[in-house]
Amino acid sequence: MAATVTPGGPGMLLLDTTDTAAEERVDAFRAAMGQATVPCRVDQLVPEREVQARMHFWSFGRATLFTTDSSPFRLVRTPRHLRMEAPPVVALSIHPQGRGRFSQLGHEQHMGPGRLMLNDLTAPYSWSSVSGGSRAVQIRYDHLDLPVDVVRRAIGRLPGSPVHDLLVSHLQRLAASADQLAADPGATAVGAATVELVRALVVSAADDDRLRSAVREGSLMSRVREYVLARLPDADLSPASIAAAHNVSVRQLYKAFAADGQSLEQWVITERLELARAELASAAGRRRPIAATARACGFPDPSHFARRFRAAFGLTPREWQQLAR
């Protein structure tokens, strides 16, 4: 069983080798790892028949949580893997019981319980898990809103930050209550808070006045994104209302998005469509009229919503709803 998906459920069970034939476990492990993270080489460090694993995946809006409890294994991301298409992602993980060794960008770390590991998934790395499991939050670079050099400067320096232990506690609690939190209406807000905590940790660990200044200048985009994502259902959300809420002009707002290579209106529509797609596939959304879901996601006109949805995903809202069902 390489993956068990429950549409509308709070999380996704990617792998449980309990009922998997021994000769299929290695392939199942690699397939599940491929679903959860960026391309990399997966090596098992025990004989095939001794491979054991249980992997889960939860979405919290701008942050995802990926947990693994398994027999020892190794992950290696090479320059060849970097050429494969994958979103730029940063991972922050903790290994509550196990131990391992992490190597990236000249940093060699022996990881143990209670210590965080920062992994820039846009660079080669190797990770060897000796035992136990991991709890990893993955965040896209455009959501973290930090330059690559800031993130890379922080690698290997996390324990020196006063934010380190706060993140340890947060990750432990997030993983312990993942099902309940992911199913809660506040799940997106939990993800936004997690992103901000990780951001604070990275900036603190990087410890560079120049970088702090750059981060402050770039914080408008982060604040705007958080503001908009919390108000996607509001059909009256507009560039003027967003600008007013952040004490900037509409021109400044458009300029900030243009500098980030984005269109404000298109980004809002894309986020609303993603919200609608998740709602339509949820247990409640499969029973709710499509027009009601459209309105709940900021689309007052169901016909306009249907056209946008099909253009974005290649299926009508009803076809997607039926597929999820």
Protein backbone atom coordinates (compact mmCIF):
# COMPACT_ATOMS: atom_id res chain seq x y z
CA MET A 1 0.00 0.00 0.00
CA ALA A 2 1.94 3.00 -1.25
CA ALA A 3 -0.65 5.63 -0.46
CA THR A 4 -4.04 5.78 1.17
CA VAL A 5 -5.91 9.00 0.50
CA THR A 6 -9.14 9.95 2.22
CA PRO A 7 -10.81 12.80 0.27
CA GLY A 8 -11.97 15.47 2.66
CA GLY A 9 -10.12 13.86 5.55
CA PRO A 10 -7.83 15.83 7.81
CA GLY A 11 -4.65 14.23 6.51
CA MET A 12 -3.19 11.75 4.06
CA LEU A 13 -1.65 8.42 4.96
CA LEU A 14 1.07 8.10 2.34
CA LEU A 15 2.47 4.77 3.44
CA ASP A 16 2.00 2.03 6.01
CA THR A 17 4.13 -1.04 5.35
CA THR A 18 2.25 -3.16 7.89
CA ASP A 19 0.20 -4.82 5.15
CA THR A 20 2.76 -4.41 2.36
CA ALA A 21 4.61 -7.43 0.99
CA ALA A 22 8.29 -7.36 1.91
CA GLU A 23 9.43 -7.30 -1.72
CA GLU A 24 7.26 -4.22 -2.41
CA ARG A 25 8.28 -2.09 0.57
CA VAL A 26 11.33 -0.40 -0.96
CA ASP A 27 9.41 0.74 -4.04
CA ALA A 28 6.46 1.82 -1.90
CA PHE A 29 8.78 3.82 0.35
CA ARG A 30 10.34 5.61 -2.63
CA ALA A 31 6.93 6.35 -4.15
CA ALA A 32 5.62 7.81 -0.89
CA MET A 33 8.73 9.93 -0.42
CA GLY A 34 8.32 11.18 -3.98
CA GLN A 35 4.77 12.29 -3.21
CA ALA A 36 5.76 14.19 -0.07
CA THR A 37 8.90 16.05 -1.06
CA VAL A 38 11.22 17.07 -3.91
CA PRO A 39 13.05 14.55 -6.16
CA CYS A 40 15.93 12.76 -4.43
CA ARG A 41 17.61 9.37 -4.22
CA VAL A 42 16.28 7.06 -1.51
CA ASP A 43 18.55 4.33 -0.10
CA GLN A 44 17.49 1.79 2.49
CA LEU A 45 20.07 1.05 5.20
CA VAL A 46 18.54 -2.28 6.26
CA PRO A 47 17.72 -5.47 4.32
CA GLU A 48 14.58 -5.31 2.20
CA ARG A 49 12.54 -7.54 4.51
CA GLU A 50 13.33 -5.30 7.50
CA VAL A 51 12.06 -2.09 5.88
CA GLN A 52 9.27 -0.58 7.98
CA ALA A 53 7.65 2.82 7.52
CA ARG A 54 4.61 4.91 8.26
CA MET A 55 4.28 8.32 6.58
CA HIS A 56 1.62 11.02 6.92
CA PHE A 57 1.05 14.32 5.16
CA TRP A 58 -1.13 17.28 6.23
CA SER A 59 -1.81 20.64 4.60
CA PHE A 60 -2.02 23.83 6.67
CA GLY A 61 -2.41 26.36 3.88
CA ARG A 62 1.04 27.82 3.25
CA ALA A 63 2.77 25.14 5.31
CA THR A 64 2.63 21.36 5.03
CA LEU A 65 3.54 18.80 7.67
CA PHE A 66 5.22 15.53 6.70
CA THR A 67 5.92 12.87 9.35
CA THR A 68 7.96 9.70 8.99
CA ASP A 69 8.48 6.81 11.39
CA SER A 70 10.67 4.18 9.80
CA SER A 71 13.65 1.90 9.74
CA PRO A 72 16.99 3.59 8.84
CA PHE A 73 17.29 5.16 5.37
CA ARG A 74 19.29 7.77 3.45
CA LEU A 75 18.13 10.67 1.23
CA VAL A 76 20.52 12.21 -1.29
CA ARG A 77 19.62 15.20 -3.48
CA THR A 78 22.14 15.69 -6.27
CA PRO A 79 22.65 18.38 -8.95
CA ARG A 80 20.81 16.04 -11.34
CA HIS A 81 17.75 16.10 -9.06
CA LEU A 82 17.90 19.92 -8.96
CA ARG A 83 17.32 19.98 -12.71
CA MET A 84 14.01 18.16 -12.26
CA GLU A 85 10.93 20.35 -11.98
CA ALA A 86 10.00 21.04 -8.34
CA PRO A 87 8.86 24.11 -6.38
CA PRO A 88 11.56 25.95 -4.39
CA VAL A 89 10.99 24.73 -0.85
CA VAL A 90 12.55 25.03 2.61
CA ALA A 91 12.08 22.27 5.20
CA LEU A 92 12.42 22.57 8.96
CA SER A 93 12.40 19.28 10.82
CA ILE A 94 12.83 17.74 14.23
CA HIS A 95 13.68 14.16 15.07
CA PRO A 96 11.88 13.44 18.35
CA GLN A 97 13.46 10.05 19.05
CA GLY A 98 15.85 9.18 16.29
CA ARG A 99 19.33 10.24 15.31
CA GLY A 100 20.92 11.02 12.00
CA ARG A 101 23.52 12.93 10.03
CA PHE A 102 22.82 15.90 7.77
CA SER A 103 25.22 17.45 5.26
CA GLN A 104 24.56 20.53 3.10
CA LEU A 105 26.60 23.45 1.73
CA GLY A 106 29.66 22.53 3.79
CA HIS A 107 27.71 22.08 7.03
CA GLU A 108 27.94 18.65 8.70
CA GLN A 109 25.53 18.08 11.59
CA HIS A 110 24.77 15.14 13.85
CA MET A 111 21.10 15.41 14.68
CA GLY A 112 19.38 14.15 17.80
CA PRO A 113 16.18 14.65 19.78
CA GLY A 114 15.25 18.25 20.51
CA ARG A 115 17.38 19.81 17.77
CA LEU A 116 16.00 21.44 14.62
CA MET A 117 17.35 20.86 11.12
CA LEU A 118 16.98 23.45 8.35
CA ASN A 119 17.16 22.11 4.80
CA ASP A 120 17.23 24.29 1.69
CA LEU A 121 15.71 21.90 -0.85
CA THR A 122 17.02 24.00 -3.74
CA ALA A 123 20.56 22.82 -2.94
CA PRO A 124 22.18 19.34 -2.86
CA TYR A 125 22.16 17.57 0.50
CA SER A 126 22.39 14.18 2.16
CA TRP A 127 20.48 12.94 5.19
CA SER A 128 21.04 9.58 6.88
CA SER A 129 18.48 8.46 9.43
CA VAL A 130 20.01 6.03 11.90
CA SER A 131 16.76 5.35 13.77
CA GLY A 132 13.40 6.79 14.74
CA GLY A 133 11.40 9.33 12.77
CA SER A 134 11.06 12.96 11.74
CA ARG A 135 8.47 15.74 11.84
CA ALA A 136 9.05 18.21 8.99
CA VAL A 137 7.33 21.44 8.00
CA GLN A 138 7.78 22.34 4.33
CA ILE A 139 7.31 25.93 3.12
CA ARG A 140 7.66 27.34 -0.37
CA TYR A 141 10.23 30.09 -0.77
CA ASP A 142 7.63 32.56 -2.05
CA HIS A 143 5.62 32.01 1.13
CA LEU A 144 8.63 32.24 3.43
CA ASP A 145 9.52 35.50 1.66
CA LEU A 146 13.25 35.36 2.46
CA PRO A 147 16.26 35.48 0.12
CA VAL A 148 18.10 32.22 -0.49
CA ASP A 149 21.30 33.57 1.05
CA VAL A 150 19.47 34.33 4.32
CA VAL A 151 18.21 30.75 4.56
CA ARG A 152 21.60 29.26 3.71
CA ARG A 153 23.36 31.46 6.23
CA ALA A 154 21.06 30.10 8.94
CA ILE A 155 21.79 26.42 8.19
CA GLY A 156 23.79 24.94 11.04
CA ARG A 157 23.22 27.98 13.28
CA LEU A 158 19.70 27.33 14.54
CA PRO A 159 20.59 26.26 18.12
CA GLY A 160 22.13 29.68 18.73
CA SER A 161 18.81 31.44 18.18
CA PRO A 162 16.48 32.18 21.12
CA VAL A 163 13.61 31.19 18.81
CA HIS A 164 14.95 27.62 18.46
CA ASP A 165 13.27 26.06 21.49
CA LEU A 166 9.98 27.82 20.71
CA LEU A 167 9.95 26.14 17.28
CA VAL A 168 10.83 22.77 18.82
CA SER A 169 7.77 22.97 21.04
CA HIS A 170 5.58 24.24 18.20
CA LEU A 171 6.56 21.43 15.82
CA GLN A 172 6.09 18.78 18.48
CA ARG A 173 2.59 20.02 19.32
CA LEU A 174 1.66 20.50 15.66
CA ALA A 175 2.61 16.90 14.87
CA ALA A 176 0.93 15.50 17.99
CA SER A 177 -2.42 17.15 17.11
CA ALA A 178 -2.12 17.23 13.31
CA ASP A 179 -5.42 15.49 12.51
CA GLN A 180 -7.44 17.71 14.81
CA LEU A 181 -5.70 20.94 13.77
CA ALA A 182 -5.81 20.23 10.00
CA ALA A 183 -9.56 19.57 10.18
CA ASP A 184 -10.23 22.74 12.17
CA PRO A 185 -11.49 25.93 10.44
CA GLY A 186 -8.38 27.65 11.79
CA ALA A 187 -5.97 25.32 9.95
CA THR A 188 -4.91 27.99 7.44
CA ALA A 189 -4.21 30.43 10.25
CA VAL A 190 -2.13 27.78 12.03
CA GLY A 191 -0.11 27.38 8.83
CA ALA A 192 0.38 31.15 8.50
CA ALA A 193 1.57 31.34 12.11
CA THR A 194 3.97 28.45 11.50
CA VAL A 195 5.43 30.22 8.46
CA GLU A 196 6.02 33.38 10.50
CA LEU A 197 7.70 31.42 13.31
CA VAL A 198 10.02 29.68 10.84
CA ARG A 199 10.75 33.03 9.25
CA ALA A 200 11.61 34.53 12.62
CA LEU A 201 13.93 31.61 13.41
CA VAL A 202 15.80 31.88 10.10
CA VAL A 203 16.28 35.64 10.38
CA SER A 204 17.42 35.30 13.99
CA ALA A 205 19.88 32.51 13.18
CA ALA A 206 21.29 34.35 10.16
CA ASP A 207 22.16 37.24 12.54
CA ASP A 208 23.09 39.89 10.00
CA ASP A 209 22.02 43.54 10.34
CA ARG A 210 22.03 43.98 6.57
CA LEU A 211 19.74 40.99 6.16
CA ARG A 212 17.43 42.18 8.92
CA SER A 213 17.02 45.46 7.06
CA ALA A 214 16.27 43.66 3.79
CA VAL A 215 13.73 41.45 5.54
CA ARG A 216 11.97 44.47 7.06
CA GLU A 217 11.73 46.07 3.61
CA GLY A 218 10.32 42.87 2.15
CA SER A 219 7.85 42.21 4.96
CA LEU A 220 5.01 44.05 3.20
CA MET A 221 4.46 41.13 0.81
CA SER A 222 4.38 38.66 3.68
CA ARG A 223 1.86 40.76 5.62
CA VAL A 224 -0.31 41.32 2.55
CA ARG A 225 -0.37 37.62 1.71
CA GLU A 226 -1.37 36.71 5.26
CA TYR A 227 -4.07 39.41 5.25
CA VAL A 228 -5.54 38.31 1.91
CA LEU A 229 -5.46 34.57 2.66
CA ALA A 230 -7.48 35.19 5.82
CA ARG A 231 -10.11 37.12 3.77
CA LEU A 232 -10.42 35.14 0.54
CA PRO A 233 -14.18 34.55 1.04
CA ASP A 234 -14.79 38.33 1.17
CA ALA A 235 -16.15 39.30 -2.26
CA ASP A 236 -15.47 42.96 -1.43
CA LEU A 237 -11.73 42.36 -1.07
CA SER A 238 -10.03 44.82 -3.44
CA PRO A 239 -6.62 46.41 -4.08
CA ALA A 240 -7.91 49.59 -2.41
CA SER A 241 -9.03 47.79 0.76
CA ILE A 242 -5.78 45.80 0.93
CA ALA A 243 -3.66 48.92 0.48
CA ALA A 244 -5.63 50.84 3.10
CA ALA A 245 -5.24 48.03 5.64
CA HIS A 246 -1.44 48.24 5.25
CA ASN A 247 -1.10 52.04 5.10
CA VAL A 248 0.28 52.09 1.56
CA SER A 249 -1.06 53.42 -1.72
CA VAL A 250 -2.57 51.15 -4.35
CA ARG A 251 0.37 52.10 -6.57
CA GLN A 252 2.86 50.93 -3.90
CA LEU A 253 0.91 47.70 -3.54
CA TYR A 254 1.01 46.98 -7.27
CA LYS A 255 4.70 47.89 -7.36
CA ALA A 256 5.49 45.41 -4.56
CA PHE A 257 3.74 42.59 -6.42
CA ALA A 258 5.37 43.54 -9.72
CA ALA A 259 8.80 43.45 -8.05
CA ASP A 260 7.92 39.95 -6.88
CA GLY A 261 7.01 38.98 -10.47
CA GLN A 262 3.29 38.65 -9.75
CA SER A 263 -0.04 40.23 -10.57
CA LEU A 264 -2.07 41.04 -7.44
CA GLU A 265 -5.45 40.25 -9.01
CA GLN A 266 -4.25 37.02 -10.61
CA TRP A 267 -2.66 35.87 -7.36
CA VAL A 268 -5.91 36.46 -5.43
CA ILE A 269 -7.94 34.55 -8.03
CA THR A 270 -5.45 31.66 -7.99
CA GLU A 271 -5.62 31.41 -4.20
CA ARG A 272 -9.42 31.52 -4.28
CA LEU A 273 -9.52 28.75 -6.89
CA GLU A 274 -7.18 26.61 -4.78
CA LEU A 275 -9.43 27.18 -1.77
CA ALA A 276 -12.49 26.22 -3.82
CA ARG A 277 -10.81 23.08 -5.12
CA ALA A 278 -10.05 21.96 -1.56
CA GLU A 279 -13.57 22.84 -0.39
CA LEU A 280 -15.25 20.94 -3.23
CA ALA A 281 -13.24 17.81 -2.40
CA SER A 282 -13.98 17.99 1.34
CA ALA A 283 -16.68 15.88 2.97
CA ALA A 284 -18.89 18.96 3.49
CA GLY A 285 -18.12 20.39 0.06
CA ARG A 286 -19.20 17.23 -1.73
CA ARG A 287 -22.70 17.73 -0.27
CA ARG A 288 -22.90 21.52 -0.64
CA PRO A 289 -24.25 23.18 -3.83
CA ILE A 290 -21.44 24.40 -6.05
CA ALA A 291 -22.83 27.95 -6.07
CA ALA A 292 -22.61 28.02 -2.27
CA THR A 293 -18.97 26.94 -2.38
CA ALA A 294 -18.25 29.58 -5.04
CA ARG A 295 -19.71 32.32 -2.83
CA ALA A 296 -17.83 30.99 0.22
CA CYS A 297 -14.58 31.32 -1.73
CA GLY A 298 -15.15 34.88 -2.95
CA PHE A 299 -16.88 34.19 -6.31
CA PRO A 300 -20.38 35.76 -6.22
CA ASP A 301 -21.06 34.75 -9.84
CA PRO A 302 -21.22 30.90 -10.19
CA SER A 303 -20.84 31.04 -13.99
CA HIS A 304 -17.70 33.15 -13.77
CA PHE A 305 -16.39 30.77 -11.11
CA ALA A 306 -17.06 27.71 -13.30
CA ARG A 307 -15.21 29.23 -16.26
CA ARG A 308 -12.24 30.20 -14.12
CA PHE A 309 -12.13 26.79 -12.44
CA ARG A 310 -12.16 24.87 -15.71
CA ALA A 311 -9.49 27.12 -17.23
CA ALA A 312 -7.25 26.55 -14.19
CA PHE A 313 -7.75 22.81 -13.58
CA GLY A 314 -9.15 21.33 -16.81
CA LEU A 315 -12.33 20.12 -15.08
CA THR A 316 -15.62 21.78 -14.24
CA PRO A 317 -16.37 22.22 -10.52
CA ARG A 318 -18.99 19.46 -10.73
CA GLU A 319 -16.58 17.06 -12.44
CA TRP A 320 -13.99 17.72 -9.73
CA GLN A 321 -16.63 17.28 -7.00
CA GLN A 322 -17.73 13.96 -8.51
CA LEU A 323 -14.14 12.80 -8.89
CA ALA A 324 -13.52 13.50 -5.19
CA ARG A 325 -16.71 11.68 -4.29
